[in-house]
Amino acid sequence: MNRIFIADDHAIMRGGLKQLIEFDSRLQVAAEAENGAQVLERLRDGEFDLLLLDMSMPGLSGEDLINRVHTRYPKLPILVLSMHNEAQIAQRALRAGANGYLTKDHNPETLLAAIHRVASGGRYLDPRIAEQLAFASSSPSDDAATQLTDREFQILRLLAQGLSVNQIADQLVISNKTVSTHKARLMEKMGFTSNAEIVKYAMTHGLAV
């Protein structure tokens, strides 16, 4: 039986995933977490066959969390279950050490198949994202975006959604000063001079969701 660790900041989502996963007699939900700190804490206390990880949680999350988990537990398979269907986000997760990436709008059968494949040592990539990657163009703007850290990329997306520095700080549980520093760095790397340019870039690349 495969022991699954669910990490998602929404209690209803965790409850639904647990019911779905345990409907399969070959799977057992062995732990749950609602943020990155809990993930790291509970990984120290148990052994698991797969980490089912939400890409966006308060505090430590995304590429930063994946990288930290992968560094400490290189043999633990990580399947990202995300609301984001952008190829850039999936690429960042896979580069950080995730073994699979699937969006939350798939049917239960697809999720279970992905869990079994990744838990058994395989890899899984959402077919729609695989198609995006296959037809992706490498423009100068795309190259610039790859220079952003995970946090900078995350803040770029939140700025593009119209959130203020204060709102982003509250959502990510970091200080306003930290958000402002990341914003300044990402604007310098991307060559942006205004928030309007951030929004335009995000809209062009399908990131303002």
N, C-alpha and C. Protein backbone atom coordinates (compact mmCIF):
# COMPACT_ATOMS: atom_id res chain seq x y z
N MET A 1 0.84 -1.19 0.00
CA MET A 1 0.00 0.00 0.00
C MET A 1 0.88 1.25 0.00
N ASN A 2 0.57 2.21 -0.86
CA ASN A 2 1.33 3.45 -0.94
C ASN A 2 0.80 4.48 0.05
N ARG A 3 1.72 5.06 0.84
CA ARG A 3 1.37 6.05 1.84
C ARG A 3 1.50 7.45 1.22
N ILE A 4 0.38 8.18 1.18
CA ILE A 4 0.33 9.47 0.52
C ILE A 4 0.28 10.60 1.54
N PHE A 5 1.04 11.65 1.28
CA PHE A 5 1.08 12.85 2.10
C PHE A 5 0.42 13.96 1.27
N ILE A 6 -0.71 14.50 1.76
CA ILE A 6 -1.42 15.57 1.06
C ILE A 6 -1.06 16.92 1.66
N ALA A 7 -0.62 17.86 0.82
CA ALA A 7 -0.33 19.22 1.27
C ALA A 7 -1.13 20.21 0.45
N ASP A 8 -2.11 20.85 1.10
CA ASP A 8 -2.97 21.85 0.44
C ASP A 8 -3.52 22.76 1.52
N ASP A 9 -3.58 24.07 1.25
CA ASP A 9 -4.01 24.99 2.30
C ASP A 9 -5.53 25.08 2.44
N HIS A 10 -6.29 24.39 1.61
CA HIS A 10 -7.75 24.40 1.73
C HIS A 10 -8.24 23.08 2.35
N ALA A 11 -8.89 23.19 3.50
CA ALA A 11 -9.34 21.99 4.23
C ALA A 11 -10.33 21.18 3.41
N ILE A 12 -11.22 21.83 2.69
CA ILE A 12 -12.21 21.12 1.88
C ILE A 12 -11.52 20.33 0.77
N MET A 13 -10.50 20.95 0.18
CA MET A 13 -9.75 20.26 -0.88
C MET A 13 -9.04 19.03 -0.32
N ARG A 14 -8.40 19.19 0.85
CA ARG A 14 -7.72 18.04 1.46
C ARG A 14 -8.71 16.93 1.77
N GLY A 15 -9.89 17.31 2.29
CA GLY A 15 -10.89 16.30 2.63
C GLY A 15 -11.37 15.54 1.40
N GLY A 16 -11.59 16.27 0.31
CA GLY A 16 -12.03 15.62 -0.92
C GLY A 16 -10.97 14.71 -1.50
N LEU A 17 -9.72 15.17 -1.46
CA LEU A 17 -8.63 14.34 -1.96
C LEU A 17 -8.47 13.08 -1.13
N LYS A 18 -8.61 13.21 0.19
CA LYS A 18 -8.47 12.05 1.07
C LYS A 18 -9.53 11.01 0.76
N GLN A 19 -10.76 11.44 0.60
CA GLN A 19 -11.84 10.50 0.28
C GLN A 19 -11.58 9.80 -1.05
N LEU A 20 -11.17 10.60 -2.04
CA LEU A 20 -10.90 10.04 -3.37
C LEU A 20 -9.76 9.03 -3.32
N ILE A 21 -8.65 9.42 -2.67
CA ILE A 21 -7.47 8.56 -2.63
C ILE A 21 -7.75 7.26 -1.89
N GLU A 22 -8.44 7.35 -0.77
CA GLU A 22 -8.68 6.15 0.04
C GLU A 22 -9.79 5.27 -0.53
N PHE A 23 -10.47 5.75 -1.57
CA PHE A 23 -11.40 4.89 -2.30
C PHE A 23 -10.63 3.80 -3.04
N ASP A 24 -9.36 4.10 -3.33
CA ASP A 24 -8.47 3.13 -3.96
C ASP A 24 -7.79 2.32 -2.85
N SER A 25 -8.03 1.03 -2.82
CA SER A 25 -7.53 0.17 -1.73
C SER A 25 -6.01 0.07 -1.70
N ARG A 26 -5.35 0.52 -2.77
CA ARG A 26 -3.89 0.45 -2.81
C ARG A 26 -3.24 1.70 -2.25
N LEU A 27 -4.05 2.68 -1.85
CA LEU A 27 -3.53 3.95 -1.38
C LEU A 27 -4.04 4.28 0.02
N GLN A 28 -3.21 4.97 0.79
CA GLN A 28 -3.59 5.40 2.14
C GLN A 28 -3.05 6.80 2.39
N VAL A 29 -3.92 7.69 2.88
CA VAL A 29 -3.46 9.03 3.25
C VAL A 29 -2.84 8.94 4.64
N ALA A 30 -1.53 9.16 4.70
CA ALA A 30 -0.79 8.97 5.95
C ALA A 30 -0.51 10.27 6.69
N ALA A 31 -0.65 11.42 6.00
CA ALA A 31 -0.41 12.71 6.65
C ALA A 31 -1.01 13.82 5.80
N GLU A 32 -1.28 14.97 6.46
CA GLU A 32 -1.79 16.15 5.78
C GLU A 32 -1.06 17.38 6.30
N ALA A 33 -0.99 18.42 5.47
CA ALA A 33 -0.38 19.69 5.88
C ALA A 33 -1.08 20.81 5.12
N GLU A 34 -1.10 22.00 5.76
CA GLU A 34 -1.76 23.15 5.11
C GLU A 34 -0.78 24.26 4.74
N ASN A 35 0.51 24.06 5.03
CA ASN A 35 1.52 25.04 4.61
C ASN A 35 2.88 24.36 4.53
N GLY A 36 3.86 25.10 4.00
CA GLY A 36 5.17 24.52 3.78
C GLY A 36 5.89 24.12 5.06
N ALA A 37 5.73 24.92 6.11
CA ALA A 37 6.39 24.60 7.38
C ALA A 37 5.89 23.26 7.92
N GLN A 38 4.58 23.02 7.82
CA GLN A 38 4.02 21.74 8.27
C GLN A 38 4.53 20.59 7.42
N VAL A 39 4.69 20.82 6.13
CA VAL A 39 5.22 19.77 5.25
C VAL A 39 6.59 19.31 5.74
N LEU A 40 7.48 20.27 5.97
CA LEU A 40 8.84 19.92 6.40
C LEU A 40 8.85 19.27 7.77
N GLU A 41 7.99 19.75 8.66
CA GLU A 41 7.91 19.18 10.00
C GLU A 41 7.43 17.74 9.97
N ARG A 42 6.38 17.47 9.21
CA ARG A 42 5.79 16.12 9.21
C ARG A 42 6.58 15.13 8.37
N LEU A 43 7.35 15.62 7.43
CA LEU A 43 8.22 14.71 6.68
C LEU A 43 9.30 14.13 7.59
N ARG A 44 9.69 14.88 8.62
CA ARG A 44 10.70 14.37 9.56
C ARG A 44 10.16 13.24 10.42
N ASP A 45 8.83 13.18 10.57
CA ASP A 45 8.24 12.24 11.53
C ASP A 45 7.71 10.95 10.90
N GLY A 46 7.75 10.85 9.58
CA GLY A 46 7.17 9.65 8.98
C GLY A 46 7.80 9.30 7.64
N GLU A 47 7.42 8.14 7.12
CA GLU A 47 7.90 7.69 5.81
C GLU A 47 6.72 7.66 4.86
N PHE A 48 6.92 8.19 3.65
CA PHE A 48 5.83 8.31 2.69
C PHE A 48 6.30 7.85 1.31
N ASP A 49 5.32 7.45 0.51
CA ASP A 49 5.62 6.97 -0.84
C ASP A 49 5.38 8.04 -1.89
N LEU A 50 4.66 9.12 -1.52
CA LEU A 50 4.41 10.20 -2.46
C LEU A 50 3.92 11.44 -1.71
N LEU A 51 4.42 12.60 -2.12
CA LEU A 51 3.93 13.88 -1.61
C LEU A 51 3.06 14.50 -2.69
N LEU A 52 1.77 14.67 -2.39
CA LEU A 52 0.83 15.32 -3.31
C LEU A 52 0.75 16.78 -2.88
N LEU A 53 1.34 17.67 -3.67
CA LEU A 53 1.64 19.02 -3.21
C LEU A 53 0.93 20.10 -4.03
N ASP A 54 0.23 20.99 -3.33
CA ASP A 54 -0.34 22.17 -3.95
C ASP A 54 0.79 23.15 -4.26
N MET A 55 0.75 23.79 -5.41
CA MET A 55 1.84 24.68 -5.82
C MET A 55 1.82 26.00 -5.05
N SER A 56 0.64 26.46 -4.64
CA SER A 56 0.52 27.78 -4.00
C SER A 56 -0.08 27.66 -2.62
N MET A 57 0.74 27.84 -1.59
CA MET A 57 0.28 27.83 -0.20
C MET A 57 0.90 29.02 0.51
N PRO A 58 0.35 29.43 1.66
CA PRO A 58 0.92 30.56 2.39
C PRO A 58 2.36 30.27 2.83
N GLY A 59 3.19 31.32 2.85
CA GLY A 59 4.56 31.16 3.30
C GLY A 59 5.39 30.39 2.29
N LEU A 60 6.24 29.50 2.77
CA LEU A 60 7.11 28.69 1.91
C LEU A 60 6.27 27.80 1.00
N SER A 61 6.44 27.93 -0.30
CA SER A 61 5.65 27.11 -1.23
C SER A 61 6.32 27.11 -2.59
N GLY A 62 5.66 26.50 -3.55
CA GLY A 62 6.14 26.50 -4.92
C GLY A 62 7.50 25.89 -5.10
N GLU A 63 8.27 26.50 -5.99
CA GLU A 63 9.58 25.98 -6.34
C GLU A 63 10.50 25.91 -5.11
N ASP A 64 10.40 26.92 -4.25
CA ASP A 64 11.25 26.93 -3.04
C ASP A 64 11.01 25.70 -2.17
N LEU A 65 9.74 25.38 -1.94
CA LEU A 65 9.39 24.23 -1.11
C LEU A 65 9.76 22.92 -1.79
N ILE A 66 9.47 22.81 -3.08
CA ILE A 66 9.81 21.59 -3.82
C ILE A 66 11.31 21.33 -3.75
N ASN A 67 12.08 22.39 -3.97
CA ASN A 67 13.54 22.25 -3.95
C ASN A 67 14.03 21.80 -2.58
N ARG A 68 13.45 22.36 -1.53
CA ARG A 68 13.89 22.01 -0.18
C ARG A 68 13.53 20.55 0.15
N VAL A 69 12.31 20.14 -0.21
CA VAL A 69 11.90 18.75 0.03
C VAL A 69 12.77 17.80 -0.78
N HIS A 70 13.00 18.13 -2.05
CA HIS A 70 13.78 17.25 -2.92
C HIS A 70 15.22 17.12 -2.43
N THR A 71 15.77 18.21 -1.91
CA THR A 71 17.14 18.18 -1.40
C THR A 71 17.26 17.29 -0.17
N ARG A 72 16.28 17.40 0.73
CA ARG A 72 16.32 16.63 1.98
C ARG A 72 15.86 15.19 1.80
N TYR A 73 14.92 14.97 0.87
CA TYR A 73 14.35 13.62 0.67
C TYR A 73 14.36 13.32 -0.83
N PRO A 74 15.53 13.11 -1.41
CA PRO A 74 15.65 12.94 -2.86
C PRO A 74 14.90 11.73 -3.42
N LYS A 75 14.61 10.74 -2.57
CA LYS A 75 13.91 9.55 -3.05
C LYS A 75 12.39 9.66 -2.93
N LEU A 76 11.89 10.76 -2.33
CA LEU A 76 10.45 10.93 -2.16
C LEU A 76 9.85 11.52 -3.44
N PRO A 77 8.97 10.78 -4.13
CA PRO A 77 8.33 11.33 -5.34
C PRO A 77 7.38 12.48 -4.98
N ILE A 78 7.40 13.54 -5.79
CA ILE A 78 6.54 14.70 -5.58
C ILE A 78 5.64 14.88 -6.80
N LEU A 79 4.33 14.84 -6.56
CA LEU A 79 3.36 15.13 -7.62
C LEU A 79 2.67 16.44 -7.28
N VAL A 80 2.85 17.44 -8.13
CA VAL A 80 2.23 18.74 -7.91
C VAL A 80 0.81 18.71 -8.46
N LEU A 81 -0.14 19.12 -7.64
CA LEU A 81 -1.54 19.24 -8.06
C LEU A 81 -1.88 20.72 -7.94
N SER A 82 -2.07 21.38 -9.07
CA SER A 82 -2.13 22.84 -9.08
C SER A 82 -3.33 23.36 -9.87
N MET A 83 -3.78 24.57 -9.50
CA MET A 83 -4.82 25.24 -10.27
C MET A 83 -4.24 25.95 -11.48
N HIS A 84 -2.91 26.05 -11.57
CA HIS A 84 -2.25 26.79 -12.64
C HIS A 84 -1.92 25.88 -13.82
N ASN A 85 -2.38 26.26 -15.01
CA ASN A 85 -2.12 25.43 -16.18
C ASN A 85 -1.13 26.07 -17.14
N GLU A 86 -0.29 26.97 -16.61
CA GLU A 86 0.72 27.62 -17.44
C GLU A 86 1.99 26.78 -17.49
N ALA A 87 2.54 26.66 -18.70
CA ALA A 87 3.72 25.82 -18.89
C ALA A 87 4.92 26.32 -18.08
N GLN A 88 5.07 27.65 -17.95
CA GLN A 88 6.22 28.18 -17.20
C GLN A 88 6.20 27.72 -15.75
N ILE A 89 5.02 27.71 -15.15
CA ILE A 89 4.90 27.30 -13.74
C ILE A 89 5.23 25.82 -13.61
N ALA A 90 4.71 25.00 -14.52
CA ALA A 90 5.00 23.56 -14.49
C ALA A 90 6.49 23.30 -14.68
N GLN A 91 7.11 24.02 -15.60
CA GLN A 91 8.55 23.86 -15.83
C GLN A 91 9.35 24.15 -14.57
N ARG A 92 8.96 25.21 -13.86
CA ARG A 92 9.68 25.58 -12.64
C ARG A 92 9.54 24.48 -11.58
N ALA A 93 8.36 23.91 -11.47
CA ALA A 93 8.14 22.84 -10.50
C ALA A 93 9.00 21.61 -10.83
N LEU A 94 9.05 21.25 -12.09
CA LEU A 94 9.81 20.07 -12.51
C LEU A 94 11.32 20.30 -12.37
N ARG A 95 11.77 21.50 -12.69
CA ARG A 95 13.19 21.81 -12.52
C ARG A 95 13.60 21.77 -11.05
N ALA A 96 12.68 22.12 -10.18
CA ALA A 96 12.99 22.15 -8.75
C ALA A 96 13.05 20.75 -8.14
N GLY A 97 12.50 19.75 -8.85
CA GLY A 97 12.57 18.39 -8.34
C GLY A 97 11.28 17.61 -8.31
N ALA A 98 10.18 18.23 -8.79
CA ALA A 98 8.91 17.49 -8.84
C ALA A 98 8.98 16.39 -9.89
N ASN A 99 8.27 15.30 -9.65
CA ASN A 99 8.26 14.17 -10.58
C ASN A 99 7.03 14.18 -11.48
N GLY A 100 6.05 15.03 -11.12
CA GLY A 100 4.85 15.11 -11.92
C GLY A 100 4.11 16.41 -11.67
N TYR A 101 3.26 16.80 -12.64
CA TYR A 101 2.50 18.04 -12.53
C TYR A 101 1.15 17.82 -13.18
N LEU A 102 0.09 18.11 -12.42
CA LEU A 102 -1.28 17.90 -12.90
C LEU A 102 -2.15 19.04 -12.41
N THR A 103 -3.04 19.54 -13.25
CA THR A 103 -3.95 20.60 -12.82
C THR A 103 -5.18 20.01 -12.13
N LYS A 104 -5.81 20.83 -11.29
CA LYS A 104 -6.90 20.35 -10.43
C LYS A 104 -8.22 20.12 -11.17
N ASP A 105 -8.30 20.48 -12.44
CA ASP A 105 -9.57 20.35 -13.15
C ASP A 105 -9.72 19.01 -13.87
N HIS A 106 -8.82 18.07 -13.61
CA HIS A 106 -8.95 16.75 -14.23
C HIS A 106 -9.90 15.86 -13.44
N ASN A 107 -10.32 14.77 -14.06
CA ASN A 107 -11.24 13.85 -13.38
C ASN A 107 -10.49 12.97 -12.39
N PRO A 108 -11.19 12.36 -11.45
CA PRO A 108 -10.54 11.54 -10.42
C PRO A 108 -9.69 10.40 -10.98
N GLU A 109 -10.13 9.81 -12.08
CA GLU A 109 -9.38 8.69 -12.65
C GLU A 109 -7.99 9.13 -13.11
N THR A 110 -7.93 10.34 -13.68
CA THR A 110 -6.64 10.85 -14.14
C THR A 110 -5.71 11.11 -12.96
N LEU A 111 -6.26 11.68 -11.89
CA LEU A 111 -5.44 11.94 -10.70
C LEU A 111 -4.91 10.64 -10.11
N LEU A 112 -5.75 9.64 -9.97
CA LEU A 112 -5.31 8.36 -9.39
C LEU A 112 -4.24 7.71 -10.27
N ALA A 113 -4.42 7.80 -11.59
CA ALA A 113 -3.43 7.23 -12.50
C ALA A 113 -2.09 7.94 -12.34
N ALA A 114 -2.14 9.28 -12.19
CA ALA A 114 -0.91 10.05 -12.01
C ALA A 114 -0.23 9.69 -10.69
N ILE A 115 -1.02 9.53 -9.63
CA ILE A 115 -0.47 9.16 -8.33
C ILE A 115 0.25 7.81 -8.41
N HIS A 116 -0.39 6.84 -9.02
CA HIS A 116 0.23 5.51 -9.12
C HIS A 116 1.51 5.54 -9.96
N ARG A 117 1.48 6.31 -11.04
CA ARG A 117 2.66 6.36 -11.91
C ARG A 117 3.84 7.00 -11.17
N VAL A 118 3.60 8.13 -10.51
CA VAL A 118 4.68 8.84 -9.83
C VAL A 118 5.16 8.06 -8.60
N ALA A 119 4.22 7.47 -7.86
CA ALA A 119 4.59 6.71 -6.66
C ALA A 119 5.44 5.49 -7.02
N SER A 120 5.26 4.97 -8.22
CA SER A 120 6.01 3.77 -8.63
C SER A 120 7.34 4.13 -9.31
N GLY A 121 7.69 5.43 -9.27
CA GLY A 121 8.98 5.83 -9.82
C GLY A 121 8.93 6.46 -11.19
N GLY A 122 7.72 6.61 -11.74
CA GLY A 122 7.59 7.21 -13.05
C GLY A 122 7.42 8.72 -12.97
N ARG A 123 7.16 9.32 -14.14
CA ARG A 123 6.93 10.76 -14.21
C ARG A 123 5.59 11.01 -14.89
N TYR A 124 4.99 12.17 -14.58
CA TYR A 124 3.70 12.48 -15.19
C TYR A 124 3.62 13.98 -15.45
N LEU A 125 3.22 14.34 -16.66
CA LEU A 125 3.02 15.75 -17.00
C LEU A 125 1.64 15.91 -17.64
N ASP A 126 0.89 16.87 -17.11
CA ASP A 126 -0.44 17.17 -17.63
C ASP A 126 -0.37 17.28 -19.17
N PRO A 127 -1.19 16.51 -19.90
CA PRO A 127 -1.10 16.49 -21.37
C PRO A 127 -1.23 17.87 -22.01
N ARG A 128 -2.08 18.74 -21.43
CA ARG A 128 -2.25 20.07 -22.02
C ARG A 128 -1.00 20.93 -21.85
N ILE A 129 -0.31 20.74 -20.72
CA ILE A 129 0.93 21.48 -20.51
C ILE A 129 2.03 20.92 -21.40
N ALA A 130 2.04 19.61 -21.58
CA ALA A 130 3.02 19.00 -22.48
C ALA A 130 2.85 19.55 -23.89
N GLU A 131 1.60 19.77 -24.29
CA GLU A 131 1.33 20.33 -25.62
C GLU A 131 1.83 21.78 -25.70
N GLN A 132 1.60 22.56 -24.64
CA GLN A 132 2.11 23.94 -24.61
C GLN A 132 3.63 23.96 -24.78
N LEU A 133 4.30 23.06 -24.05
CA LEU A 133 5.76 23.03 -24.10
C LEU A 133 6.26 22.63 -25.49
N ALA A 134 5.51 21.73 -26.13
CA ALA A 134 5.93 21.25 -27.44
C ALA A 134 5.87 22.36 -28.49
N PHE A 135 4.91 23.28 -28.31
CA PHE A 135 4.74 24.34 -29.30
C PHE A 135 5.20 25.70 -28.79
N ALA A 136 5.89 25.71 -27.65
CA ALA A 136 6.33 26.99 -27.07
C ALA A 136 7.40 27.64 -27.94
N SER A 137 7.31 28.96 -28.02
CA SER A 137 8.34 29.71 -28.74
C SER A 137 9.31 30.30 -27.72
N SER A 138 10.57 30.40 -28.09
CA SER A 138 11.56 30.95 -27.16
C SER A 138 11.87 32.39 -27.56
N SER A 139 11.05 33.32 -27.08
CA SER A 139 11.26 34.74 -27.35
C SER A 139 12.18 35.30 -26.28
N PRO A 140 12.76 36.51 -26.51
CA PRO A 140 13.61 37.14 -25.50
C PRO A 140 12.91 37.31 -24.17
N SER A 141 11.61 37.62 -24.18
CA SER A 141 10.87 37.79 -22.93
C SER A 141 10.83 36.49 -22.14
N ASP A 142 10.65 35.37 -22.86
CA ASP A 142 10.62 34.08 -22.18
C ASP A 142 11.97 33.81 -21.51
N ASP A 143 13.07 34.14 -22.22
CA ASP A 143 14.39 33.92 -21.66
C ASP A 143 14.57 34.76 -20.39
N ALA A 144 14.07 35.99 -20.41
CA ALA A 144 14.20 36.87 -19.24
C ALA A 144 13.43 36.28 -18.06
N ALA A 145 12.27 35.72 -18.30
CA ALA A 145 11.45 35.18 -17.22
C ALA A 145 12.13 34.01 -16.53
N THR A 146 12.94 33.26 -17.25
CA THR A 146 13.61 32.12 -16.62
C THR A 146 14.66 32.56 -15.62
N GLN A 147 15.06 33.84 -15.66
CA GLN A 147 16.04 34.34 -14.70
C GLN A 147 15.41 34.67 -13.35
N LEU A 148 14.08 34.75 -13.31
CA LEU A 148 13.40 35.10 -12.07
C LEU A 148 13.45 33.94 -11.09
N THR A 149 13.59 34.26 -9.82
CA THR A 149 13.45 33.23 -8.78
C THR A 149 11.98 32.85 -8.68
N ASP A 150 11.70 31.76 -7.99
CA ASP A 150 10.32 31.33 -7.83
C ASP A 150 9.49 32.42 -7.14
N ARG A 151 10.05 33.04 -6.11
CA ARG A 151 9.31 34.08 -5.39
C ARG A 151 9.07 35.30 -6.27
N GLU A 152 10.07 35.69 -7.06
CA GLU A 152 9.89 36.82 -7.97
C GLU A 152 8.81 36.51 -9.00
N PHE A 153 8.84 35.30 -9.53
CA PHE A 153 7.83 34.89 -10.52
C PHE A 153 6.44 34.90 -9.88
N GLN A 154 6.34 34.41 -8.65
CA GLN A 154 5.07 34.39 -7.93
C GLN A 154 4.55 35.81 -7.72
N ILE A 155 5.42 36.72 -7.35
CA ILE A 155 5.02 38.11 -7.12
C ILE A 155 4.65 38.79 -8.43
N LEU A 156 5.35 38.47 -9.51
CA LEU A 156 4.97 39.01 -10.82
C LEU A 156 3.53 38.64 -11.15
N ARG A 157 3.17 37.40 -10.93
CA ARG A 157 1.81 36.94 -11.22
C ARG A 157 0.77 37.65 -10.34
N LEU A 158 1.10 37.84 -9.07
CA LEU A 158 0.16 38.49 -8.16
C LEU A 158 0.00 39.98 -8.50
N LEU A 159 1.09 40.63 -8.89
CA LEU A 159 1.02 42.03 -9.32
C LEU A 159 0.14 42.14 -10.57
N ALA A 160 0.30 41.17 -11.47
CA ALA A 160 -0.48 41.19 -12.71
C ALA A 160 -1.97 41.00 -12.44
N GLN A 161 -2.29 40.35 -11.32
CA GLN A 161 -3.69 40.17 -10.95
C GLN A 161 -4.28 41.40 -10.27
N GLY A 162 -3.46 42.43 -10.09
CA GLY A 162 -3.94 43.67 -9.52
C GLY A 162 -3.76 43.81 -8.02
N LEU A 163 -3.04 42.90 -7.39
CA LEU A 163 -2.82 42.98 -5.95
C LEU A 163 -1.77 44.04 -5.63
N SER A 164 -1.96 44.73 -4.51
CA SER A 164 -0.99 45.71 -4.05
C SER A 164 0.15 45.01 -3.31
N VAL A 165 1.20 45.77 -3.03
CA VAL A 165 2.33 45.22 -2.26
C VAL A 165 1.85 44.73 -0.90
N ASN A 166 0.98 45.50 -0.25
CA ASN A 166 0.45 45.10 1.06
C ASN A 166 -0.36 43.81 0.97
N GLN A 167 -1.20 43.69 -0.05
CA GLN A 167 -2.03 42.49 -0.22
C GLN A 167 -1.17 41.26 -0.50
N ILE A 168 -0.13 41.44 -1.30
CA ILE A 168 0.77 40.33 -1.59
C ILE A 168 1.50 39.90 -0.32
N ALA A 169 1.95 40.87 0.47
CA ALA A 169 2.64 40.55 1.72
C ALA A 169 1.73 39.74 2.64
N ASP A 170 0.47 40.12 2.74
CA ASP A 170 -0.49 39.38 3.57
C ASP A 170 -0.69 37.96 3.05
N GLN A 171 -0.83 37.83 1.74
CA GLN A 171 -1.11 36.51 1.16
C GLN A 171 0.08 35.56 1.30
N LEU A 172 1.28 36.09 1.15
CA LEU A 172 2.47 35.23 1.20
C LEU A 172 3.09 35.15 2.59
N VAL A 173 2.51 35.89 3.52
CA VAL A 173 3.00 35.92 4.91
C VAL A 173 4.47 36.34 4.95
N ILE A 174 4.76 37.44 4.27
CA ILE A 174 6.09 38.03 4.31
C ILE A 174 5.92 39.54 4.48
N SER A 175 7.00 40.27 4.71
CA SER A 175 6.90 41.70 4.97
C SER A 175 6.73 42.50 3.68
N ASN A 176 6.16 43.71 3.84
CA ASN A 176 6.00 44.61 2.70
C ASN A 176 7.36 44.92 2.06
N LYS A 177 8.37 45.10 2.92
CA LYS A 177 9.71 45.41 2.42
C LYS A 177 10.26 44.29 1.54
N THR A 178 10.00 43.05 1.96
CA THR A 178 10.46 41.90 1.17
C THR A 178 9.78 41.86 -0.18
N VAL A 179 8.47 42.11 -0.20
CA VAL A 179 7.74 42.14 -1.47
C VAL A 179 8.30 43.24 -2.37
N SER A 180 8.52 44.43 -1.81
CA SER A 180 9.04 45.55 -2.60
C SER A 180 10.42 45.23 -3.18
N THR A 181 11.25 44.54 -2.39
CA THR A 181 12.58 44.15 -2.87
C THR A 181 12.48 43.18 -4.04
N HIS A 182 11.62 42.17 -3.89
CA HIS A 182 11.42 41.20 -4.98
C HIS A 182 10.86 41.89 -6.22
N LYS A 183 9.94 42.82 -6.02
CA LYS A 183 9.34 43.54 -7.15
C LYS A 183 10.40 44.33 -7.90
N ALA A 184 11.26 45.02 -7.16
CA ALA A 184 12.32 45.81 -7.79
C ALA A 184 13.27 44.92 -8.60
N ARG A 185 13.60 43.77 -8.03
CA ARG A 185 14.53 42.86 -8.72
C ARG A 185 13.92 42.28 -9.98
N LEU A 186 12.62 41.87 -9.90
CA LEU A 186 12.00 41.26 -11.08
C LEU A 186 11.83 42.30 -12.19
N MET A 187 11.51 43.56 -11.81
CA MET A 187 11.35 44.61 -12.83
C MET A 187 12.68 44.91 -13.51
N GLU A 188 13.75 44.86 -12.74
CA GLU A 188 15.08 45.08 -13.32
C GLU A 188 15.45 43.95 -14.28
N LYS A 189 15.23 42.70 -13.85
CA LYS A 189 15.57 41.55 -14.68
C LYS A 189 14.75 41.52 -15.97
N MET A 190 13.48 41.91 -15.88
CA MET A 190 12.58 41.85 -17.04
C MET A 190 12.62 43.12 -17.88
N GLY A 191 13.24 44.17 -17.35
CA GLY A 191 13.28 45.42 -18.09
C GLY A 191 11.99 46.20 -18.03
N PHE A 192 11.19 45.96 -16.99
CA PHE A 192 9.92 46.66 -16.83
C PHE A 192 10.14 48.01 -16.14
N THR A 193 9.31 49.00 -16.50
CA THR A 193 9.38 50.30 -15.84
C THR A 193 8.08 50.68 -15.15
N SER A 194 7.04 49.84 -15.31
CA SER A 194 5.75 50.16 -14.70
C SER A 194 4.94 48.89 -14.47
N ASN A 195 3.91 49.00 -13.62
CA ASN A 195 3.01 47.87 -13.39
C ASN A 195 2.25 47.49 -14.67
N ALA A 196 2.00 48.49 -15.51
CA ALA A 196 1.28 48.22 -16.76
C ALA A 196 2.07 47.24 -17.63
N GLU A 197 3.38 47.35 -17.63
CA GLU A 197 4.20 46.43 -18.42
C GLU A 197 4.16 45.02 -17.83
N ILE A 198 4.07 44.93 -16.51
CA ILE A 198 3.93 43.63 -15.86
C ILE A 198 2.63 42.96 -16.30
N VAL A 199 1.53 43.73 -16.26
CA VAL A 199 0.21 43.21 -16.66
C VAL A 199 0.22 42.78 -18.12
N LYS A 200 0.82 43.60 -18.98
CA LYS A 200 0.87 43.27 -20.41
C LYS A 200 1.63 41.97 -20.64
N TYR A 201 2.78 41.84 -19.98
CA TYR A 201 3.56 40.61 -20.13
C TYR A 201 2.76 39.39 -19.66
N ALA A 202 2.14 39.52 -18.48
CA ALA A 202 1.39 38.40 -17.91
C ALA A 202 0.22 38.01 -18.81
N MET A 203 -0.47 38.99 -19.35
CA MET A 203 -1.60 38.70 -20.24
C MET A 203 -1.12 38.00 -21.52
N THR A 204 -0.01 38.48 -22.07
CA THR A 204 0.53 37.91 -23.30
C THR A 204 0.95 36.45 -23.11
N HIS A 205 1.45 36.15 -21.90
CA HIS A 205 1.97 34.80 -21.64
C HIS A 205 1.01 33.93 -20.84
N GLY A 206 -0.23 34.38 -20.68
CA GLY A 206 -1.23 33.57 -19.99
C GLY A 206 -0.97 33.37 -18.51
N LEU A 207 -0.37 34.36 -17.86
CA LEU A 207 0.00 34.21 -16.45
C LEU A 207 -0.92 34.97 -15.50
N ALA A 208 -1.77 35.83 -16.02
CA ALA A 208 -2.62 36.67 -15.17
C ALA A 208 -3.91 35.95 -14.84
N VAL A 209 -3.79 34.85 -14.11
CA VAL A 209 -4.95 34.03 -13.73
C VAL A 209 -5.05 33.98 -12.22
